[in-house]
């Protein structure tokens, strides 16, 4: 390591994905020869890298508008606690990774007391889909946004948001690595992934839809294999639910088994979210399905985006078909998924679209390294010999 002083980073992280991004960032600083003093909130990966959390970060991990409203008094109290801790500890940079509403409350309070403290938002809010007014409002409490999707800097600039840099998505490491030509022809006994989502509420809404869809596919399409990768914290509930299915999928858990399932999959029916982008990077034709959080559903007239599927947004064209709410009809889903699992025009068209997604996701440098360089600049790290 060099003689540079440790960079003091204060993390606000409440979810597993954010914990992974934060850990990767610290590792990237290490590769640059810089040590990091991590503080604030984070999960097991950040804790393994020296962070001693102010409190259990799961307390701020809430999903959907209804979840935020239900826990609002507690969240505001926690936000005040975190802001006081930031002000007392005076880090070099305040890094907000997820839990956007909570992070906003922290950042606004910190900026009021420490206006010169650089505040970085890692992962751009979905202003391109929901509440675009958030973008200009962020200028009051965020200095720089690190975007993980290639179109987001242009969107933030058009909306008048803070300075934004595309640093790459964690999945961008797969861009150009999958032989998409080999994906054109499915196996004689297709393997179909069923992905109900990683949060308890979304999985409970989608499992009945996936059950009926799988039964219809098996009845119409003959021999095929269904595989359901389950996140560890939902495994027990998913196994209990699937036990009553007439067509039982193989349930797999863990990263290694999930990777094997992805490598061998011919098609997928997946909850809208990051899973769609992961499937696209592996070249797996899919249909997206979702049932909105009840509170968000009542306000869906406010949703401005033309699509919720990340592959579509990145390609700037319809690559992945989507079915939401009452339109998530198993009869439709089964027919479309069967076409995608076969050597069909629908399958070939989607795989052709994946080529565009891969091309736009490619980066010359890993996301963590790009993030580290920007954070050092904001922290004045270049003046310390970085």
Protein backbone atom coordinates (compact mmCIF):
# COMPACT_ATOMS: atom_id res chain seq x y z
CA UNK A 1 0.00 0.00 0.00
CA UNK A 2 1.07 3.60 -0.56
CA UNK A 3 1.59 6.17 2.15
CA UNK A 4 -1.71 7.91 1.38
CA UNK A 5 -4.06 8.27 4.33
CA UNK A 6 -7.09 6.00 4.46
CA UNK A 7 -10.10 7.34 2.59
CA UNK A 8 -13.03 7.67 4.97
CA UNK A 9 -16.21 6.52 3.22
CA UNK A 10 -19.58 6.63 4.94
CA UNK A 11 -21.94 4.07 3.37
CA UNK A 12 -25.74 4.13 3.44
CA UNK A 13 -26.64 0.60 2.32
CA UNK A 14 -29.79 -1.36 3.17
CA UNK A 15 -30.00 -4.16 0.62
CA UNK A 16 -27.93 -7.13 -0.51
CA UNK A 17 -27.25 -5.68 -3.97
CA UNK A 18 -25.96 -2.45 -2.43
CA UNK A 19 -23.75 -4.39 -0.04
CA UNK A 20 -22.19 -6.15 -3.04
CA UNK A 21 -21.56 -2.85 -4.87
CA UNK A 22 -19.99 -1.32 -1.77
CA UNK A 23 -17.71 -4.31 -1.22
CA UNK A 24 -16.61 -4.26 -4.86
CA UNK A 25 -15.82 -0.55 -4.54
CA UNK A 26 -13.59 -1.13 -1.50
CA UNK A 27 -11.82 -3.95 -3.32
CA UNK A 28 -11.25 -1.63 -6.28
CA UNK A 29 -9.64 0.96 -4.03
CA UNK A 30 -7.41 -1.81 -2.74
CA UNK A 31 -6.32 -2.64 -6.30
CA UNK A 32 -5.40 1.04 -6.69
CA UNK A 33 -3.26 0.90 -3.55
CA UNK A 34 -5.69 2.93 -1.44
CA UNK A 35 -7.04 1.87 1.92
CA UNK A 36 -10.61 2.66 2.92
CA UNK A 37 -11.99 3.28 6.38
CA UNK A 38 -15.59 2.11 5.95
CA UNK A 39 -18.30 3.36 8.26
CA UNK A 40 -22.06 3.73 8.34
CA UNK A 41 -24.54 1.06 7.26
CA UNK A 42 -23.86 -2.14 5.34
CA UNK A 43 -24.38 -5.88 5.19
CA UNK A 44 -22.05 -8.84 5.68
CA UNK A 45 -19.78 -8.09 2.70
CA UNK A 46 -19.05 -4.54 3.84
CA UNK A 47 -18.68 -5.74 7.41
CA UNK A 48 -16.09 -8.27 6.22
CA UNK A 49 -14.16 -5.29 4.88
CA UNK A 50 -14.08 -3.45 8.19
CA UNK A 51 -17.42 -1.66 8.46
CA UNK A 52 -18.98 -1.75 11.92
CA UNK A 53 -22.64 -0.87 11.24
CA UNK A 54 -24.39 1.84 13.19
CA UNK A 55 -27.39 -0.54 13.34
CA UNK A 56 -28.75 -3.52 11.38
CA UNK A 57 -29.20 -2.23 7.83
CA UNK A 58 -32.18 -4.53 7.25
CA UNK A 59 -34.16 -2.01 9.32
CA UNK A 60 -34.14 0.42 6.38
CA UNK A 61 -34.70 -2.17 3.63
CA UNK A 62 -38.32 -1.65 2.60
CA UNK A 63 -39.98 -2.36 -0.75
CA UNK A 64 -42.64 -0.24 -2.41
CA UNK A 65 -44.53 2.86 -1.39
CA UNK A 66 -46.73 0.97 1.05
CA UNK A 67 -43.65 -0.39 2.81
CA UNK A 68 -42.19 3.11 3.21
CA UNK A 69 -45.47 4.52 4.54
CA UNK A 70 -45.86 1.70 7.05
CA UNK A 71 -42.41 2.30 8.53
CA UNK A 72 -42.19 6.07 8.03
CA UNK A 73 -41.83 7.20 11.69
CA UNK A 74 -39.12 4.60 12.31
CA UNK A 75 -37.32 5.44 9.06
CA UNK A 76 -37.26 9.16 9.83
CA UNK A 77 -35.87 8.50 13.30
CA UNK A 78 -33.16 6.27 11.83
CA UNK A 79 -32.35 8.89 9.17
CA UNK A 80 -31.80 11.50 11.89
CA UNK A 81 -29.55 9.06 13.77
CA UNK A 82 -27.44 8.37 10.66
CA UNK A 83 -27.18 12.07 9.79
CA UNK A 84 -25.93 12.89 13.30
CA UNK A 85 -23.34 10.14 12.98
CA UNK A 86 -22.12 11.44 9.60
CA UNK A 87 -21.82 15.00 10.95
CA UNK A 88 -19.90 13.78 13.99
CA UNK A 89 -17.50 11.50 12.07
CA UNK A 90 -16.80 13.86 9.14
CA UNK A 91 -16.04 11.30 6.37
CA UNK A 92 -14.34 12.25 3.12
CA UNK A 93 -17.39 11.18 1.09
CA UNK A 94 -20.96 10.19 1.91
CA UNK A 95 -21.95 7.32 -0.39
CA UNK A 96 -25.65 6.54 -0.89
CA UNK A 97 -26.16 3.22 -2.65
CA UNK A 98 -29.77 2.07 -2.19
CA UNK A 99 -32.86 2.75 -0.03
CA UNK A 100 -33.36 6.03 -1.95
CA UNK A 101 -36.05 7.63 0.19
CA UNK A 102 -34.13 6.91 3.38
CA UNK A 103 -30.85 8.04 1.83
CA UNK A 104 -32.45 11.31 0.71
CA UNK A 105 -33.49 12.13 4.27
CA UNK A 106 -29.95 11.47 5.47
CA UNK A 107 -28.28 13.49 2.72
CA UNK A 108 -30.54 16.54 3.09
CA UNK A 109 -29.80 16.74 6.81
CA UNK A 110 -26.06 16.29 6.28
CA UNK A 111 -25.86 18.89 3.49
CA UNK A 112 -27.60 21.43 5.72
CA UNK A 113 -24.76 21.10 8.25
CA UNK A 114 -21.84 20.08 6.02
CA UNK A 115 -22.46 21.71 2.62
CA UNK A 116 -18.93 20.96 1.38
CA UNK A 117 -19.06 17.22 2.10
CA UNK A 118 -19.23 15.37 -1.26
CA UNK A 119 -22.36 13.24 -1.51
CA UNK A 120 -22.35 10.50 -4.15
CA UNK A 121 -25.37 8.47 -5.25
CA UNK A 122 -24.29 5.09 -6.60
CA UNK A 123 -27.13 3.72 -8.79
CA UNK A 124 -29.32 6.30 -10.45
CA UNK A 125 -32.95 6.55 -9.27
CA UNK A 126 -35.49 5.42 -11.87
CA UNK A 127 -36.40 8.99 -12.81
CA UNK A 128 -36.85 7.81 -16.41
CA UNK A 129 -39.88 5.81 -15.27
CA UNK A 130 -41.28 7.26 -12.07
CA UNK A 131 -41.35 10.79 -10.60
CA UNK A 132 -38.96 12.58 -12.96
CA UNK A 133 -39.11 15.63 -10.69
CA UNK A 134 -36.70 13.83 -8.39
CA UNK A 135 -33.83 14.52 -10.79
CA UNK A 136 -33.60 18.33 -10.41
CA UNK A 137 -34.49 18.05 -6.70
CA UNK A 138 -31.41 15.86 -6.15
CA UNK A 139 -29.09 18.75 -6.99
CA UNK A 140 -29.71 20.14 -3.50
CA UNK A 141 -28.21 17.13 -1.73
CA UNK A 142 -26.26 15.01 -4.27
CA UNK A 143 -23.04 16.10 -5.97
CA UNK A 144 -22.54 13.21 -8.38
CA UNK A 145 -24.52 10.19 -9.56
CA UNK A 146 -22.79 6.96 -10.58
CA UNK A 147 -25.14 5.34 -13.10
CA UNK A 148 -25.18 1.63 -13.88
CA UNK A 149 -27.28 1.88 -17.05
CA UNK A 150 -25.86 3.52 -20.20
CA UNK A 151 -28.83 5.75 -21.01
CA UNK A 152 -29.10 7.33 -17.54
CA UNK A 153 -26.56 10.20 -17.92
CA UNK A 154 -28.53 11.57 -20.90
CA UNK A 155 -31.80 11.28 -18.97
CA UNK A 156 -30.38 13.06 -15.93
CA UNK A 157 -28.98 15.85 -18.10
CA UNK A 158 -32.31 16.32 -19.90
CA UNK A 159 -34.19 16.44 -16.59
CA UNK A 160 -31.74 18.86 -14.96
CA UNK A 161 -30.31 16.45 -12.41
CA UNK A 162 -26.83 16.33 -10.85
CA UNK A 163 -23.70 15.44 -12.82
CA UNK A 164 -23.98 11.75 -13.78
CA UNK A 165 -21.41 9.27 -15.09
CA UNK A 166 -22.08 5.83 -16.53
CA UNK A 167 -19.72 3.46 -14.72
CA UNK A 168 -21.16 0.15 -15.87
CA UNK A 169 -23.47 -2.45 -14.40
CA UNK A 170 -22.12 -5.38 -12.36
CA UNK A 171 -23.50 -7.59 -15.15
CA UNK A 172 -21.52 -5.71 -17.81
CA UNK A 173 -18.71 -8.21 -17.18
CA UNK A 174 -20.83 -10.65 -19.24
CA UNK A 175 -21.19 -8.31 -22.22
CA UNK A 176 -19.85 -10.01 -25.31
CA UNK A 177 -18.90 -13.15 -23.35
CA UNK A 178 -21.99 -15.21 -24.23
CA UNK A 179 -22.01 -16.94 -27.61
CA UNK A 180 -25.47 -15.78 -28.67
CA UNK A 181 -25.32 -17.78 -31.91
CA UNK A 182 -25.35 -20.98 -29.86
CA UNK A 183 -28.52 -19.81 -28.12
CA UNK A 184 -30.56 -19.82 -31.34
CA UNK A 185 -31.38 -23.52 -31.10
CA UNK A 186 -32.94 -24.76 -27.84
CA UNK A 187 -32.46 -28.24 -26.39
CA UNK A 188 -34.80 -31.03 -27.46
CA UNK A 189 -36.06 -31.05 -23.86
CA UNK A 190 -36.14 -27.31 -23.08
CA UNK A 191 -35.23 -25.99 -19.65
CA UNK A 192 -37.49 -23.12 -18.55
CA UNK A 193 -36.56 -20.85 -15.65
CA UNK A 194 -39.27 -19.55 -13.33
CA UNK A 195 -38.13 -16.39 -11.50
CA UNK A 196 -40.71 -15.00 -9.03
CA UNK A 197 -38.48 -12.22 -7.68
CA UNK A 198 -36.27 -11.81 -4.64
CA UNK A 199 -38.69 -10.02 -2.32
CA UNK A 200 -41.34 -11.79 -0.31
CA UNK A 201 -44.21 -9.56 -1.45
CA UNK A 202 -43.52 -9.86 -5.18
CA UNK A 203 -42.89 -13.61 -4.97
CA UNK A 204 -46.19 -14.18 -3.16
CA UNK A 205 -48.03 -12.29 -5.92
CA UNK A 206 -46.30 -14.10 -8.79
CA UNK A 207 -45.99 -17.72 -7.64
CA UNK A 208 -49.68 -18.53 -8.39
CA UNK A 209 -49.25 -17.08 -11.90
CA UNK A 210 -46.10 -19.13 -12.50
CA UNK A 211 -47.82 -22.27 -11.19
CA UNK A 212 -50.70 -22.06 -13.65
CA UNK A 213 -48.38 -21.05 -16.50
CA UNK A 214 -46.10 -24.06 -15.93
CA UNK A 215 -49.09 -26.41 -15.83
CA UNK A 216 -50.42 -25.02 -19.12
CA UNK A 217 -47.01 -25.23 -20.77
CA UNK A 218 -46.56 -28.84 -19.70
CA UNK A 219 -50.02 -29.71 -20.99
CA UNK A 220 -49.48 -27.97 -24.35
CA UNK A 221 -45.78 -28.41 -24.98
CA UNK A 222 -44.91 -31.93 -23.97
CA UNK A 223 -41.58 -32.75 -22.35
CA UNK A 224 -39.75 -29.88 -20.71
CA UNK A 225 -37.94 -29.10 -17.48
CA UNK A 226 -38.81 -26.27 -15.10
CA UNK A 227 -36.17 -24.79 -12.78
CA UNK A 228 -36.85 -22.24 -10.04
CA UNK A 229 -33.77 -20.50 -8.58
CA UNK A 230 -34.78 -19.43 -5.05
CA UNK A 231 -33.03 -16.75 -3.03
CA UNK A 232 -31.99 -18.18 0.37
CA UNK A 233 -34.31 -16.05 2.52
CA UNK A 234 -37.37 -17.24 0.54
CA UNK A 235 -36.37 -20.86 0.00
CA UNK A 236 -38.55 -22.31 2.79
CA UNK A 237 -41.66 -20.43 1.66
CA UNK A 238 -41.10 -21.27 -1.99
CA UNK A 239 -40.64 -24.97 -1.25
CA UNK A 240 -43.83 -24.95 0.80
CA UNK A 241 -45.75 -23.27 -2.02
CA UNK A 242 -44.35 -25.50 -4.78
CA UNK A 243 -45.18 -28.67 -2.86
CA UNK A 244 -48.82 -28.21 -3.90
CA UNK A 245 -48.07 -27.67 -7.62
CA UNK A 246 -49.10 -30.33 -10.11
CA UNK A 247 -46.02 -29.57 -12.23
CA UNK A 248 -43.17 -29.21 -9.77
CA UNK A 249 -40.07 -27.26 -10.80
CA UNK A 250 -36.61 -28.18 -9.61
CA UNK A 251 -35.69 -25.66 -6.91
CA UNK A 252 -32.06 -24.57 -6.84
CA UNK A 253 -30.29 -22.27 -4.38
CA UNK A 254 -26.88 -20.70 -4.18
CA UNK A 255 -24.82 -18.85 -6.79
CA UNK A 256 -23.17 -21.97 -8.22
CA UNK A 257 -26.48 -23.78 -8.84
CA UNK A 258 -28.04 -20.60 -10.21
CA UNK A 259 -25.14 -20.19 -12.64
CA UNK A 260 -25.56 -23.78 -13.81
CA UNK A 261 -29.30 -23.21 -14.27
CA UNK A 262 -28.65 -20.04 -16.29
CA UNK A 263 -26.07 -21.74 -18.47
CA UNK A 264 -28.49 -24.54 -19.35
CA UNK A 265 -31.72 -22.54 -19.67
CA UNK A 266 -33.60 -22.23 -22.97
CA UNK A 267 -36.28 -19.73 -21.87
CA UNK A 268 -37.56 -17.92 -18.79
CA UNK A 269 -40.62 -16.34 -17.22
CA UNK A 270 -39.28 -13.71 -14.85
CA UNK A 271 -40.34 -10.98 -12.48
CA UNK A 272 -39.53 -7.55 -13.87
CA UNK A 273 -36.26 -6.27 -12.43
CA UNK A 274 -32.54 -6.89 -12.61
CA UNK A 275 -33.20 -10.55 -13.39
CA UNK A 276 -34.29 -9.55 -16.91
CA UNK A 277 -30.93 -7.95 -17.60
CA UNK A 278 -29.10 -10.98 -16.22
CA UNK A 279 -31.11 -13.25 -18.50
CA UNK A 280 -30.32 -11.03 -21.48
CA UNK A 281 -26.61 -11.17 -20.69
CA UNK A 282 -26.82 -14.98 -20.66
CA UNK A 283 -28.82 -14.91 -23.93
CA UNK A 284 -31.96 -16.52 -22.49
CA UNK A 285 -35.23 -15.57 -24.25
CA UNK A 286 -37.84 -14.46 -21.74
CA UNK A 287 -41.18 -12.90 -20.99
CA UNK A 288 -41.42 -10.36 -18.17
CA UNK A 289 -44.27 -10.55 -15.69
CA UNK A 290 -45.17 -8.40 -12.69
CA UNK A 291 -47.92 -7.47 -10.29
CA UNK A 292 -47.42 -4.05 -8.79
CA UNK A 293 -47.30 -3.16 -5.12
CA UNK A 294 -50.92 -2.17 -4.25
CA UNK A 295 -50.00 1.41 -3.32
CA UNK A 296 -47.97 1.92 -6.49
CA UNK A 297 -50.72 0.32 -8.55
CA UNK A 298 -53.15 3.00 -7.38
CA UNK A 299 -50.70 5.63 -8.63
CA UNK A 300 -49.62 3.95 -11.84
CA UNK A 301 -51.01 6.83 -13.89
CA UNK A 302 -47.91 8.69 -12.66
CA UNK A 303 -45.53 6.16 -14.23
CA UNK A 304 -44.00 7.84 -17.29
CA UNK A 305 -41.67 5.19 -18.68
CA UNK A 306 -42.56 3.32 -21.86
CA UNK A 307 -41.18 0.05 -20.46
CA UNK A 308 -40.00 -1.43 -17.17
CA UNK A 309 -37.70 -4.02 -18.77
CA UNK A 310 -34.03 -3.03 -18.55
CA UNK A 311 -33.06 -4.82 -21.79
CA UNK A 312 -35.67 -2.74 -23.62
CA UNK A 313 -34.43 0.51 -22.09
CA UNK A 314 -30.81 -0.26 -22.91
CA UNK A 315 -31.56 -1.37 -26.49
CA UNK A 316 -34.05 1.50 -26.93
CA UNK A 317 -36.44 -0.93 -28.59
CA UNK A 318 -38.85 -3.69 -27.56
CA UNK A 319 -36.76 -6.80 -27.02
CA UNK A 320 -38.58 -8.40 -24.08
CA UNK A 321 -42.41 -8.69 -23.96
CA UNK A 322 -44.03 -7.56 -20.69
CA UNK A 323 -47.28 -8.45 -18.93
CA UNK A 324 -48.44 -6.55 -15.84
CA UNK A 325 -51.18 -6.90 -13.25
CA UNK A 326 -54.44 -8.23 -14.72
CA UNK A 327 -52.68 -8.78 -18.06
CA UNK A 328 -50.32 -11.31 -16.49
CA UNK A 329 -52.54 -14.04 -17.88
CA UNK A 330 -51.17 -17.61 -17.63
CA UNK A 331 -52.89 -18.55 -20.90
CA UNK A 332 -50.95 -15.83 -22.73
CA UNK A 333 -47.72 -16.41 -20.84
CA UNK A 334 -47.75 -20.14 -21.56
CA UNK A 335 -48.22 -19.68 -25.29
CA UNK A 336 -45.52 -17.03 -25.57
CA UNK A 337 -43.03 -18.93 -23.40
CA UNK A 338 -43.52 -22.04 -25.53
CA UNK A 339 -42.66 -20.03 -28.65
CA UNK A 340 -39.55 -18.65 -26.96
CA UNK A 341 -38.47 -22.13 -25.84
CA UNK A 342 -38.66 -23.40 -29.44
CA UNK A 343 -36.67 -22.67 -32.60
CA UNK A 344 -39.00 -19.87 -33.64
CA UNK A 345 -38.98 -16.36 -35.13
CA UNK A 346 -39.84 -14.97 -31.68
CA UNK A 347 -36.78 -16.63 -30.18
CA UNK A 348 -34.44 -15.48 -32.94
CA UNK A 349 -35.73 -11.89 -32.80
CA UNK A 350 -35.14 -11.66 -29.06
CA UNK A 351 -31.62 -13.07 -29.27
CA UNK A 352 -30.86 -10.56 -32.04
CA UNK A 353 -32.01 -7.82 -29.65
CA UNK A 354 -29.65 -9.14 -26.98
CA UNK A 355 -26.71 -8.36 -29.30
CA UNK A 356 -27.60 -4.68 -29.06
CA UNK A 357 -27.88 -4.89 -25.26
CA UNK A 358 -24.44 -6.51 -24.99
CA UNK A 359 -22.86 -3.90 -27.26
CA UNK A 360 -24.22 -1.01 -25.21
CA UNK A 361 -23.26 -2.56 -21.88
CA UNK A 362 -19.57 -3.11 -22.66
CA UNK A 363 -17.04 -1.10 -20.66
CA UNK A 364 -13.24 -0.94 -20.92
CA UNK A 365 -12.79 -0.79 -17.15
CA UNK A 366 -14.67 -2.56 -14.33
CA UNK A 367 -17.43 -0.50 -12.66
CA UNK A 368 -15.73 -0.48 -9.27
CA UNK A 369 -12.54 1.03 -10.65
CA UNK A 370 -14.40 3.81 -12.49
CA UNK A 371 -16.38 4.59 -9.34
CA UNK A 372 -13.22 4.68 -7.25
CA UNK A 373 -11.55 7.20 -9.57
CA UNK A 374 -14.55 9.55 -9.50
CA UNK A 375 -14.86 9.32 -5.72
CA UNK A 376 -11.17 10.10 -5.27
CA UNK A 377 -11.54 13.19 -7.43
CA UNK A 378 -14.54 14.38 -5.42
CA UNK A 379 -12.69 13.70 -2.17
CA UNK A 380 -9.62 15.57 -3.37
CA UNK A 381 -7.76 12.28 -3.57
CA UNK A 382 -5.73 13.50 -6.53
CA UNK A 383 -4.14 16.10 -4.22
CA UNK A 384 -3.01 13.26 -1.94
CA UNK A 385 -0.96 11.65 -4.66
CA UNK A 386 -3.69 9.30 -5.95
